Amino acid sequence: MFFNIVIFLVSCFLIIFSSRAIIDALYRLTCRLGWKEFIVAFFAASVGAVLPELFIGTRAALAGVPELALGSIIGQNIILFTLSIAICTFILKEIIVESRTVRAAATFALVSVILPFILLWDGTLDRADGVLLICACFLYVFWLFSKGDHFILPKEAQKKTQNPQSSIFKDVAIVFLGFLFVVLSAEGIIYAAENISLHLGISLAFFGLFVISMGVALPETFFSITLATKGHSWMILGGILGAISLSSTLVLGIVSIIHPIEVVDFSSLRVAQFFLISGGFFLLLFVRTSNKITKREAWFLLGVYLLFLLYEFVIL
C-alpha cells in the first residue's frame, strides 16, 4: 500500500511539472504566431492541461478501466468551472468578458459537459458515441479558427507578444520531453490507482473523481492563477474553457473508441453530474448577463464546489 502511494504521489508530481513545462513552451511558441490572447490560451494552456487527461485516459482504456478516465474528467471539470475561476476572480477583483468568442466558448463548454451524459443514458459510451464526441470537438475548433479576426492580432500587437530571446528549438524539445514524462507518469498513476482503489474497496470512477482529478487540474489552475496575477482575464477563460471542452469531447471520445465505457452503477457519479452542470450553467449565466464575473459570483462558484465536497464526503 505504502509503495503504491509513493508511486502515485511521484507520478502526480511529475505529470504536474511536465504539464507546466509544456504549457510554458507552447505559450511561447504560439505567441510567436501572433495569435490573440484567448486563442493562445486555448491552444497552449488547454492543450497542455488536457495532455495528462489524454494519456491517463488512453492508458486506462488500454488497461480495460475506462471508468477511471470518466471520473477523472468529471472531477477536473468541476474544479475548473468553480474553484479555479473563483480563485482567479478573487485575485483580479473581477473578470471582464467583452469578447463574443469567450461567451461562445462558455456556451460550448457547458454543452460539451452535458453531451457525454446524454450519450451515457443507455449506460454505455460506445465507439459510435466516441466518434460523435470527437466530431463535436472538431466542429468547435473549426469554428474557432475559421475567421482570421478570431485569432490574429494586428501587426503592431504581434510585435509586443513575440519574445526574440526564446529559442524555438529549445521550446520544441521541452514539449517533446514533457510528452515523454507525461506518458511515464500516466503509467504510474494508473498502476497505483488500480491497487489503491482495490485495497480501499472503492470504485475506480470514484477514485478518479476526487484524487486523480485534483492532480490533473492543478497545472491549469496554477497557470490561470499566474495569468490572474498579471491581469490577463481573457487568457484565464480561454485556457479553462478550452480544457473543459477538449477533455469532455476529444479525450472522452478517444477513450470510448479504444474501450467503450460502461457505467453499471451511476449513483456514484449522479451527484457529480449535477454539480458539474450547475457550475457550468451558473458560469455561463454570469458571463452572458453581465459580461463579467464579480467577486460575489466567485463566492457563489466556490460555494458550489464546497457543497459538492460536503455532500460527497459528509452526507454520503
Protein backbone atom coordinates (compact mmCIF):
# COMPACT_ATOMS: atom_id res chain seq x y z
CA MET A 1 0.00 0.00 0.00
CA PHE A 2 2.76 2.44 1.01
CA PHE A 3 4.71 1.66 -2.17
CA ASN A 4 1.63 2.36 -4.33
CA ILE A 5 1.02 5.68 -2.57
CA VAL A 6 4.63 6.73 -3.21
CA ILE A 7 4.31 5.79 -6.90
CA PHE A 8 1.05 7.72 -7.15
CA LEU A 9 2.43 10.89 -5.48
CA VAL A 10 5.66 10.87 -7.51
CA SER A 11 3.72 10.31 -10.74
CA CYS A 12 1.34 13.18 -9.90
CA PHE A 13 4.29 15.48 -9.20
CA LEU A 14 5.96 14.54 -12.50
CA ILE A 15 2.77 14.98 -14.51
CA ILE A 16 2.13 18.41 -12.95
CA PHE A 17 5.74 19.52 -13.50
CA SER A 18 5.81 18.19 -17.09
CA SER A 19 2.45 19.75 -17.96
CA ARG A 20 3.62 23.07 -16.55
CA ALA A 21 6.74 22.96 -18.74
CA ILE A 22 4.68 22.01 -21.82
CA ILE A 23 2.21 24.84 -21.21
CA ASP A 24 5.01 27.40 -20.87
CA ALA A 25 6.75 26.16 -24.04
CA LEU A 26 3.51 26.10 -26.07
CA TYR A 27 2.68 29.57 -24.81
CA ARG A 28 5.98 30.96 -26.11
CA LEU A 29 5.58 29.16 -29.45
CA THR A 30 2.02 30.36 -30.06
CA CYS A 31 2.93 33.93 -29.10
CA ARG A 32 5.41 33.89 -31.98
CA LEU A 33 2.49 33.22 -34.35
CA GLY A 34 0.84 36.49 -33.36
CA TRP A 35 -2.43 34.96 -32.17
CA LYS A 36 -4.88 36.72 -29.88
CA GLU A 37 -4.63 36.09 -26.14
CA PHE A 38 -7.75 33.93 -25.98
CA ILE A 39 -6.54 31.63 -28.78
CA VAL A 40 -3.02 31.48 -27.30
CA ALA A 41 -4.55 30.36 -24.02
CA PHE A 42 -6.96 27.94 -25.71
CA PHE A 43 -4.19 26.29 -27.73
CA ALA A 44 -1.31 26.43 -25.25
CA ALA A 45 -2.92 26.22 -21.83
CA SER A 46 -5.88 23.97 -22.60
CA VAL A 47 -3.91 21.55 -24.77
CA GLY A 48 -1.17 21.39 -22.15
CA ALA A 49 -3.71 20.86 -19.38
CA VAL A 50 -5.60 18.17 -21.31
CA LEU A 51 -2.47 16.13 -22.01
CA PRO A 52 -2.48 14.40 -18.61
CA GLU A 53 -6.17 13.52 -19.07
CA LEU A 54 -5.49 12.25 -22.58
CA PHE A 55 -2.61 9.99 -21.62
CA ILE A 56 -4.22 8.80 -18.37
CA GLY A 57 -7.50 8.17 -20.19
CA THR A 58 -5.82 6.34 -23.06
CA ARG A 59 -3.77 4.19 -20.71
CA ALA A 60 -6.84 3.48 -18.60
CA ALA A 61 -8.79 2.42 -21.70
CA LEU A 62 -5.99 0.13 -22.84
CA ALA A 63 -5.91 -1.37 -19.33
CA GLY A 64 -9.65 -2.04 -19.53
CA VAL A 65 -10.65 0.52 -16.86
CA PRO A 66 -12.03 3.48 -18.87
CA GLU A 67 -14.34 4.46 -15.99
CA LEU A 68 -11.25 5.86 -14.27
CA ALA A 69 -10.92 8.40 -17.09
CA LEU A 70 -14.61 9.29 -16.87
CA GLY A 71 -14.42 10.02 -13.14
CA SER A 72 -11.20 11.99 -13.53
CA ILE A 73 -12.60 14.21 -16.30
CA ILE A 74 -15.82 14.92 -14.39
CA GLY A 75 -13.88 15.82 -11.25
CA GLN A 76 -11.39 18.01 -13.13
CA ASN A 77 -14.14 19.95 -14.89
CA ILE A 78 -15.98 20.63 -11.62
CA ILE A 79 -12.77 22.12 -10.22
CA LEU A 80 -12.14 24.24 -13.32
CA PHE A 81 -15.73 25.53 -13.57
CA THR A 82 -15.85 26.57 -9.92
CA LEU A 83 -12.70 26.58 -7.79
CA SER A 84 -10.20 27.70 -10.46
CA ILE A 85 -12.32 30.55 -11.79
CA ALA A 86 -13.27 31.64 -8.27
CA ILE A 87 -9.63 31.92 -7.16
CA CYS A 88 -8.68 33.89 -10.28
CA THR A 89 -11.62 36.26 -9.76
CA PHE A 90 -10.59 36.92 -6.16
CA ILE A 91 -7.13 37.91 -7.41
CA LEU A 92 -8.41 40.12 -10.23
CA LYS A 93 -11.42 41.51 -8.27
CA GLU A 94 -13.49 40.72 -11.39
CA ILE A 95 -13.03 39.08 -14.79
CA ILE A 96 -14.30 41.20 -17.68
CA VAL A 97 -15.77 39.24 -20.60
CA GLU A 98 -16.25 41.56 -23.57
CA SER A 99 -15.41 39.14 -26.39
CA ARG A 100 -18.17 37.21 -28.15
CA THR A 101 -15.63 34.44 -28.73
CA VAL A 102 -15.24 33.96 -24.98
CA ARG A 103 -19.01 33.92 -24.43
CA ALA A 104 -19.41 31.36 -27.23
CA ALA A 105 -16.65 29.26 -25.66
CA ALA A 106 -18.53 29.28 -22.34
CA THR A 107 -21.65 28.06 -24.15
CA PHE A 108 -19.78 25.23 -25.85
CA ALA A 109 -18.07 24.26 -22.58
CA LEU A 110 -21.47 23.74 -20.96
CA VAL A 111 -22.77 21.81 -23.99
CA SER A 112 -19.62 19.66 -24.03
CA VAL A 113 -20.08 18.52 -20.42
CA ILE A 114 -23.77 17.73 -20.96
CA LEU A 115 -23.29 15.77 -24.20
CA PRO A 116 -21.45 12.76 -22.67
CA PHE A 117 -24.18 12.35 -20.05
CA ILE A 118 -26.82 12.32 -22.79
CA LEU A 119 -24.86 9.66 -24.67
CA LEU A 120 -24.47 7.69 -21.42
CA TRP A 121 -28.24 7.49 -20.99
CA ASP A 122 -28.19 3.82 -22.03
CA GLY A 123 -25.35 3.08 -19.60
CA THR A 124 -22.62 2.86 -22.25
CA LEU A 125 -20.40 5.33 -24.04
CA ASP A 126 -19.59 3.20 -27.07
CA ARG A 127 -17.39 3.75 -30.12
CA ALA A 128 -20.16 5.49 -32.11
CA ASP A 129 -20.62 7.91 -29.21
CA GLY A 130 -16.87 8.47 -29.16
CA VAL A 131 -16.86 9.42 -32.85
CA LEU A 132 -19.70 11.86 -32.19
CA LEU A 133 -17.78 13.49 -29.32
CA ILE A 134 -14.66 13.89 -31.45
CA CYS A 135 -16.71 15.38 -34.30
CA ALA A 136 -18.22 17.90 -31.87
CA CYS A 137 -14.70 18.90 -30.81
CA PHE A 138 -13.52 19.34 -34.40
CA LEU A 139 -16.58 21.43 -35.28
CA TYR A 140 -15.86 23.78 -32.42
CA VAL A 141 -12.17 24.11 -33.23
CA PHE A 142 -13.03 24.67 -36.90
CA TRP A 143 -15.40 27.49 -35.94
CA LEU A 144 -12.79 28.97 -33.61
CA PHE A 145 -10.15 29.13 -36.35
CA SER A 146 -12.47 29.74 -39.33
CA LYS A 147 -12.17 33.51 -39.23
CA GLY A 148 -8.91 35.36 -39.03
CA ASP A 149 -10.28 38.08 -36.76
CA HIS A 150 -10.99 35.41 -34.15
CA PHE A 151 -7.33 34.78 -33.52
CA ILE A 152 -4.92 37.01 -35.49
CA LEU A 153 -3.60 40.08 -33.71
CA PRO A 154 -2.86 43.36 -35.55
CA LYS A 155 0.77 43.61 -36.65
CA GLU A 156 1.52 46.26 -34.03
CA ALA A 157 0.28 43.99 -31.26
CA GLN A 158 2.10 40.98 -32.69
CA LYS A 159 5.44 42.67 -32.10
CA LYS A 160 4.63 43.02 -28.39
CA THR A 161 3.77 39.35 -27.95
CA GLN A 162 6.86 37.90 -29.58
CA ASN A 163 9.86 37.05 -27.44
CA PRO A 164 13.07 37.06 -29.51
CA GLN A 165 15.07 35.74 -26.56
CA SER A 166 13.26 32.40 -26.54
CA SER A 167 14.57 29.57 -28.71
CA ILE A 168 12.09 27.75 -30.94
CA PHE A 169 14.18 24.58 -30.94
CA LYS A 170 14.50 24.67 -27.15
CA ASP A 171 10.74 25.05 -26.71
CA VAL A 172 10.01 22.22 -29.17
CA ALA A 173 12.46 19.99 -27.29
CA ILE A 174 10.75 20.86 -23.99
CA VAL A 175 7.37 19.92 -25.47
CA PHE A 176 8.54 16.50 -26.69
CA LEU A 177 10.46 15.76 -23.49
CA GLY A 178 7.42 16.84 -21.48
CA PHE A 179 5.25 14.44 -23.50
CA LEU A 180 7.60 11.59 -22.55
CA PHE A 181 7.35 12.35 -18.83
CA VAL A 182 3.57 12.73 -19.06
CA VAL A 183 3.30 9.28 -20.65
CA LEU A 184 5.53 7.70 -17.97
CA SER A 185 3.64 9.49 -15.21
CA ALA A 186 0.30 8.31 -16.58
CA GLU A 187 1.55 4.73 -16.41
CA GLY A 188 2.47 5.19 -12.75
CA ILE A 189 -0.85 6.83 -11.88
CA ILE A 190 -2.93 4.05 -13.48
CA TYR A 191 -0.87 1.31 -11.84
CA ALA A 192 -1.08 2.90 -8.39
CA ALA A 193 -4.76 3.90 -8.74
CA GLU A 194 -5.85 0.34 -9.51
CA ASN A 195 -4.00 -1.07 -6.49
CA ILE A 196 -5.02 1.68 -4.05
CA SER A 197 -8.71 1.59 -5.03
CA LEU A 198 -8.68 -2.22 -4.74
CA HIS A 199 -7.08 -2.01 -1.30
CA LEU A 200 -9.57 0.64 -0.07
CA GLY A 201 -12.56 -1.07 -1.67
CA ILE A 202 -13.72 1.95 -3.67
CA SER A 203 -14.59 2.19 -7.35
CA LEU A 204 -12.07 3.49 -9.88
CA ALA A 205 -14.60 6.08 -11.05
CA PHE A 206 -14.85 7.46 -7.50
CA PHE A 207 -11.05 7.45 -7.10
CA GLY A 208 -10.65 9.33 -10.37
CA LEU A 209 -13.40 11.78 -9.42
CA PHE A 210 -11.64 13.04 -6.31
CA VAL A 211 -7.98 12.05 -6.33
CA ILE A 212 -6.73 11.97 -9.92
CA SER A 213 -8.92 14.89 -10.97
CA MET A 214 -7.23 17.17 -8.43
CA GLY A 215 -3.79 16.22 -9.77
CA VAL A 216 -4.64 16.81 -13.42
CA ALA A 217 -6.50 20.07 -12.68
CA LEU A 218 -3.53 21.60 -10.85
CA PRO A 219 -1.44 22.59 -13.93
CA GLU A 220 -4.32 24.54 -15.47
CA THR A 221 -5.23 26.09 -12.12
CA PHE A 222 -1.63 27.20 -11.46
CA PHE A 223 -1.39 28.62 -14.98
CA SER A 224 -4.66 30.52 -14.51
CA ILE A 225 -3.53 31.94 -11.16
CA THR A 226 -0.29 33.12 -12.78
CA LEU A 227 -2.30 34.85 -15.52
CA ALA A 228 -4.58 36.40 -12.90
CA THR A 229 -1.61 37.99 -11.13
CA LYS A 230 -0.67 39.55 -14.48
CA GLY A 231 -4.23 40.69 -15.27
CA HIS A 232 -4.83 38.51 -18.36
CA SER A 233 -8.52 37.73 -17.86
CA TRP A 234 -9.14 36.63 -21.48
CA MET A 235 -6.39 34.05 -21.26
CA ILE A 236 -7.75 32.67 -17.99
CA LEU A 237 -11.10 31.87 -19.54
CA GLY A 238 -9.51 30.68 -22.78
CA GLY A 239 -7.39 28.09 -21.01
CA ILE A 240 -10.04 26.90 -18.56
CA LEU A 241 -12.92 26.71 -21.04
CA GLY A 242 -10.68 25.07 -23.62
CA ALA A 243 -9.53 22.42 -21.13
CA ILE A 244 -13.13 21.64 -20.16
CA SER A 245 -14.29 21.41 -23.78
CA LEU A 246 -11.40 19.27 -25.02
CA SER A 247 -11.48 16.84 -22.10
CA SER A 248 -15.26 16.32 -22.38
CA THR A 249 -15.22 15.74 -26.13
CA LEU A 250 -11.82 14.81 -27.56
CA VAL A 251 -10.42 12.87 -24.59
CA LEU A 252 -13.64 11.03 -23.73
CA GLY A 253 -14.16 10.33 -27.42
CA ILE A 254 -10.72 8.75 -27.82
CA VAL A 255 -11.11 6.73 -24.61
CA SER A 256 -14.53 5.35 -25.61
CA ILE A 257 -13.24 4.40 -29.07
CA ILE A 258 -10.36 2.45 -27.54
CA HIS A 259 -12.61 0.83 -24.93
CA PRO A 260 -16.36 1.59 -24.52
CA ILE A 261 -17.20 2.99 -21.09
CA GLU A 262 -19.88 1.04 -19.25
CA VAL A 263 -21.41 2.52 -16.11
CA VAL A 264 -23.22 -0.23 -14.21
CA ASP A 265 -23.94 1.89 -11.12
CA PHE A 266 -24.31 5.57 -11.99
CA SER A 267 -25.25 6.59 -8.42
CA SER A 268 -21.64 7.46 -7.53
CA LEU A 269 -21.49 9.94 -10.41
CA ARG A 270 -25.05 11.30 -10.25
CA VAL A 271 -24.25 13.99 -7.69
CA ALA A 272 -21.07 14.93 -9.52
CA GLN A 273 -23.09 15.26 -12.73
CA PHE A 274 -25.49 17.67 -11.02
CA PHE A 275 -22.74 19.89 -9.61
CA LEU A 276 -20.77 19.84 -12.87
CA ILE A 277 -23.73 21.02 -14.95
CA SER A 278 -24.74 23.52 -12.25
CA GLY A 279 -21.26 25.04 -12.16
CA GLY A 280 -21.18 25.35 -15.95
CA PHE A 281 -24.71 26.80 -16.07
CA PHE A 282 -24.04 29.50 -13.48
CA LEU A 283 -20.71 30.44 -15.08
CA LEU A 284 -22.45 30.82 -18.45
CA LEU A 285 -25.23 32.84 -16.79
CA PHE A 286 -22.71 35.24 -15.23
CA VAL A 287 -20.79 35.61 -18.49
CA ARG A 288 -23.90 36.15 -20.63
CA THR A 289 -25.86 38.52 -18.38
CA SER A 290 -23.25 40.93 -17.05
CA ASN A 291 -20.27 40.22 -19.34
CA LYS A 292 -18.11 39.76 -16.27
CA ILE A 293 -17.52 37.57 -13.24
CA THR A 294 -17.59 39.52 -9.96
CA LYS A 295 -16.27 38.58 -6.53
CA ARG A 296 -19.82 37.89 -5.36
CA GLU A 297 -20.29 35.47 -8.23
CA ALA A 298 -16.89 33.94 -7.48
CA TRP A 299 -18.02 33.26 -3.91
CA PHE A 300 -21.10 31.57 -5.35
CA LEU A 301 -18.98 29.32 -7.60
CA LEU A 302 -16.71 28.49 -4.67
CA GLY A 303 -19.81 27.62 -2.67
CA VAL A 304 -20.92 25.20 -5.38
CA TYR A 305 -17.59 23.37 -5.12
CA LEU A 306 -17.66 23.28 -1.31
CA LEU A 307 -21.23 21.95 -1.34
CA PHE A 308 -20.09 19.22 -3.72
CA LEU A 309 -17.30 18.17 -1.37
CA LEU A 310 -19.62 18.39 1.66
CA TYR A 311 -22.26 16.21 0.07
CA GLU A 312 -19.84 13.57 -1.19
CA PHE A 313 -17.73 13.24 1.94
CA VAL A 314 -20.12 14.11 4.78
CA ILE A 315 -23.66 13.38 3.69
CA LEU A 316 -22.73 10.27 1.71
